[in-house]
N, C-alpha and C. Protein backbone atom coordinates (compact mmCIF):
# COMPACT_ATOMS: atom_id res chain seq x y z
N PHE A 1 93.37 129.67 28.64
CA PHE A 1 92.20 129.03 28.04
C PHE A 1 91.84 127.81 28.95
N LEU A 2 90.81 128.02 29.69
CA LEU A 2 90.31 126.85 30.54
C LEU A 2 89.65 125.84 29.73
N THR A 3 89.04 126.19 28.53
CA THR A 3 88.30 125.28 27.72
C THR A 3 89.02 124.82 26.48
N GLY A 4 90.08 125.42 26.21
CA GLY A 4 90.81 125.16 24.92
C GLY A 4 90.33 126.04 23.79
N GLY A 5 89.50 127.01 24.10
CA GLY A 5 88.88 127.86 23.09
C GLY A 5 88.52 129.27 23.58
N LEU A 6 88.16 130.11 22.70
CA LEU A 6 87.81 131.46 23.06
C LEU A 6 86.33 131.56 23.54
N PRO A 7 86.00 132.45 24.46
CA PRO A 7 84.60 132.51 24.96
C PRO A 7 83.66 133.07 23.93
N PHE A 8 84.13 133.86 22.97
CA PHE A 8 83.34 134.49 21.99
C PHE A 8 84.03 134.28 20.56
N THR A 9 83.22 134.01 19.57
CA THR A 9 83.68 133.87 18.23
C THR A 9 82.79 134.61 17.23
N GLY A 10 83.25 134.78 16.03
CA GLY A 10 82.38 135.45 15.05
C GLY A 10 82.98 135.16 13.64
N ARG A 11 82.13 135.34 12.68
CA ARG A 11 82.63 135.10 11.26
C ARG A 11 83.48 136.28 10.80
N ASN A 12 83.35 137.40 11.50
CA ASN A 12 84.14 138.58 11.15
C ASN A 12 84.25 139.49 12.40
N ALA A 13 85.01 140.59 12.26
CA ALA A 13 85.24 141.46 13.44
C ALA A 13 83.90 141.96 14.01
N PHE A 14 82.99 142.36 13.07
CA PHE A 14 81.65 142.87 13.52
C PHE A 14 80.93 141.81 14.36
N ASP A 15 80.77 140.63 13.88
CA ASP A 15 80.11 139.55 14.60
C ASP A 15 80.78 139.28 15.95
N LEU A 16 82.09 139.32 15.94
CA LEU A 16 82.80 139.05 17.24
C LEU A 16 82.50 140.21 18.23
N MET A 17 82.62 141.40 17.82
CA MET A 17 82.31 142.53 18.72
C MET A 17 80.81 142.52 19.21
N ASN A 18 79.95 142.15 18.26
CA ASN A 18 78.52 141.97 18.65
C ASN A 18 78.41 140.89 19.72
N ALA A 19 79.01 139.78 19.61
CA ALA A 19 78.96 138.72 20.57
C ALA A 19 79.43 139.16 21.94
N ILE A 20 80.62 139.85 21.91
CA ILE A 20 81.22 140.29 23.12
C ILE A 20 80.29 141.30 23.80
N SER A 21 79.67 142.19 23.05
CA SER A 21 78.81 143.26 23.58
C SER A 21 77.50 142.77 24.12
N TYR A 22 76.86 141.81 23.46
CA TYR A 22 75.55 141.48 23.75
C TYR A 22 75.25 140.06 24.32
N GLN A 23 76.23 139.18 24.27
CA GLN A 23 75.99 137.85 24.73
C GLN A 23 76.72 137.56 26.10
N ARG A 24 76.11 136.78 26.93
CA ARG A 24 76.82 136.36 28.15
C ARG A 24 77.89 135.32 27.78
N ALA A 25 78.91 135.28 28.52
CA ALA A 25 79.97 134.28 28.33
C ALA A 25 79.38 132.91 28.49
N PRO A 26 79.71 131.99 27.60
CA PRO A 26 79.12 130.67 27.69
C PRO A 26 79.74 129.83 28.86
N ALA A 27 79.05 128.80 29.29
CA ALA A 27 79.63 128.01 30.40
C ALA A 27 80.94 127.39 29.92
N LEU A 28 81.79 127.06 30.87
CA LEU A 28 83.09 126.52 30.47
C LEU A 28 82.99 125.14 29.82
N LEU A 29 82.05 124.35 30.39
CA LEU A 29 81.78 123.06 29.84
C LEU A 29 80.26 122.89 29.72
N PRO A 30 79.71 122.18 28.72
CA PRO A 30 78.26 122.07 28.66
C PRO A 30 77.69 121.42 29.91
N ASP A 31 78.33 120.42 30.37
CA ASP A 31 77.80 119.78 31.67
C ASP A 31 79.02 119.74 32.63
N SER A 32 79.21 120.81 33.28
CA SER A 32 80.39 120.90 34.19
C SER A 32 80.29 119.89 35.25
N ALA A 33 81.50 119.30 35.56
CA ALA A 33 81.61 118.41 36.69
C ALA A 33 81.59 119.25 37.95
N GLY A 34 81.21 118.67 39.08
CA GLY A 34 80.94 119.37 40.28
C GLY A 34 82.19 120.12 40.75
N GLU A 35 83.40 119.50 40.54
CA GLU A 35 84.66 120.18 40.99
C GLU A 35 84.98 121.44 40.18
N LEU A 36 84.44 121.60 39.00
CA LEU A 36 84.68 122.73 38.14
C LEU A 36 83.70 123.87 38.42
N LEU A 37 82.65 123.69 39.12
CA LEU A 37 81.64 124.68 39.26
C LEU A 37 82.26 125.96 39.99
N HIS A 38 83.06 125.76 40.97
CA HIS A 38 83.68 126.94 41.64
C HIS A 38 84.62 127.65 40.63
N LEU A 39 85.45 126.95 39.98
CA LEU A 39 86.31 127.57 39.07
C LEU A 39 85.52 128.25 37.88
N GLU A 40 84.48 127.65 37.49
CA GLU A 40 83.62 128.19 36.39
C GLU A 40 82.97 129.54 36.85
N ARG A 41 82.51 129.58 38.15
CA ARG A 41 81.89 130.79 38.66
C ARG A 41 82.97 131.95 38.66
N ILE A 42 84.18 131.65 39.00
CA ILE A 42 85.24 132.62 39.11
C ILE A 42 85.52 133.14 37.73
N ALA A 43 85.69 132.24 36.72
CA ALA A 43 85.92 132.65 35.36
C ALA A 43 84.84 133.43 34.72
N LEU A 44 83.55 133.09 34.99
CA LEU A 44 82.46 133.78 34.43
C LEU A 44 82.29 135.14 35.03
N ARG A 45 82.61 135.27 36.38
CA ARG A 45 82.57 136.56 37.00
C ARG A 45 83.60 137.52 36.41
N CYS A 46 84.74 137.00 36.02
CA CYS A 46 85.77 137.81 35.37
C CYS A 46 85.32 138.31 33.98
N LEU A 47 84.41 137.56 33.34
CA LEU A 47 83.98 137.85 32.01
C LEU A 47 82.65 138.68 31.98
N GLU A 48 82.15 139.01 33.17
CA GLU A 48 80.91 139.77 33.16
C GLU A 48 80.98 141.07 32.31
N ARG A 49 79.97 141.36 31.59
CA ARG A 49 79.96 142.62 30.77
C ARG A 49 79.79 143.79 31.70
N ASP A 50 79.00 143.69 32.70
CA ASP A 50 78.76 144.78 33.64
C ASP A 50 79.92 144.84 34.62
N PRO A 51 80.66 145.95 34.66
CA PRO A 51 81.78 146.00 35.55
C PRO A 51 81.36 145.90 37.03
N ALA A 52 80.22 146.26 37.36
CA ALA A 52 79.72 146.18 38.75
C ALA A 52 79.60 144.71 39.21
N ARG A 53 79.51 143.81 38.28
CA ARG A 53 79.33 142.39 38.62
C ARG A 53 80.66 141.64 38.48
N ARG A 54 81.75 142.29 38.13
CA ARG A 54 83.09 141.72 38.10
C ARG A 54 83.73 141.82 39.49
N TYR A 55 84.83 141.21 39.72
CA TYR A 55 85.62 141.41 40.92
C TYR A 55 86.07 142.95 40.98
N ARG A 56 85.89 143.50 42.18
CA ARG A 56 86.25 144.87 42.26
C ARG A 56 87.70 145.05 42.51
N THR A 57 88.45 144.05 43.06
CA THR A 57 89.87 144.16 43.28
C THR A 57 90.50 142.83 42.97
N ILE A 58 91.80 142.89 42.70
CA ILE A 58 92.53 141.62 42.47
C ILE A 58 92.59 140.79 43.68
N ASP A 59 92.51 141.42 44.91
CA ASP A 59 92.48 140.67 46.17
C ASP A 59 91.20 139.83 46.27
N ALA A 60 90.06 140.38 45.86
CA ALA A 60 88.85 139.64 45.90
C ALA A 60 88.96 138.39 44.97
N LEU A 61 89.53 138.57 43.81
CA LEU A 61 89.71 137.46 42.87
C LEU A 61 90.64 136.45 43.45
N ARG A 62 91.73 136.94 44.07
CA ARG A 62 92.73 136.01 44.69
C ARG A 62 92.08 135.21 45.85
N ARG A 63 91.25 135.83 46.65
CA ARG A 63 90.59 135.10 47.70
C ARG A 63 89.70 133.93 47.17
N ASP A 64 88.98 134.24 46.12
CA ASP A 64 88.11 133.15 45.59
C ASP A 64 88.95 132.10 44.96
N PHE A 65 90.08 132.41 44.26
CA PHE A 65 90.89 131.49 43.64
C PHE A 65 91.64 130.63 44.68
N ASP A 66 92.12 131.27 45.75
CA ASP A 66 92.75 130.57 46.87
C ASP A 66 91.79 129.55 47.47
N SER A 67 90.46 130.00 47.65
CA SER A 67 89.45 129.09 48.16
C SER A 67 89.28 127.92 47.25
N TYR A 68 89.20 128.15 45.93
CA TYR A 68 89.15 127.04 44.98
C TYR A 68 90.32 126.08 45.09
N LEU A 69 91.51 126.63 45.13
CA LEU A 69 92.70 125.80 45.26
C LEU A 69 92.71 124.96 46.59
N ALA A 70 92.34 125.61 47.69
CA ALA A 70 92.29 124.87 48.89
C ALA A 70 91.32 123.69 48.89
N ALA A 71 90.18 123.90 48.24
CA ALA A 71 89.16 122.80 48.11
C ALA A 71 89.76 121.65 47.23
N GLU A 72 90.39 122.05 46.14
CA GLU A 72 90.99 121.05 45.28
C GLU A 72 92.07 120.31 45.98
N TYR A 73 92.88 120.98 46.82
CA TYR A 73 94.00 120.28 47.52
C TYR A 73 93.44 119.33 48.52
N GLN A 74 92.31 119.64 49.18
CA GLN A 74 91.67 118.77 50.19
C GLN A 74 91.04 117.54 49.55
N ALA A 75 90.65 117.72 48.22
CA ALA A 75 90.07 116.59 47.55
C ALA A 75 91.10 115.47 47.16
N ILE A 76 92.36 115.85 47.14
CA ILE A 76 93.48 114.93 46.71
C ILE A 76 93.67 113.83 47.79
């Protein structure tokens, strides 16, 4: 949980499945700080409904995450 909550909610199972099926995942934070934008893009890409828009391999996800971590480390 990057935000402390679930990306989709509903009053019941039908509402939840409807949200997952037809809504885009919400932003991680309403007004993301600059340093979170890269991590947010990674997370939202993982949550894409269209499989063609998700990471095609775990290595592609790892490369983006490693890039994020390297940038965070340099900022320290």
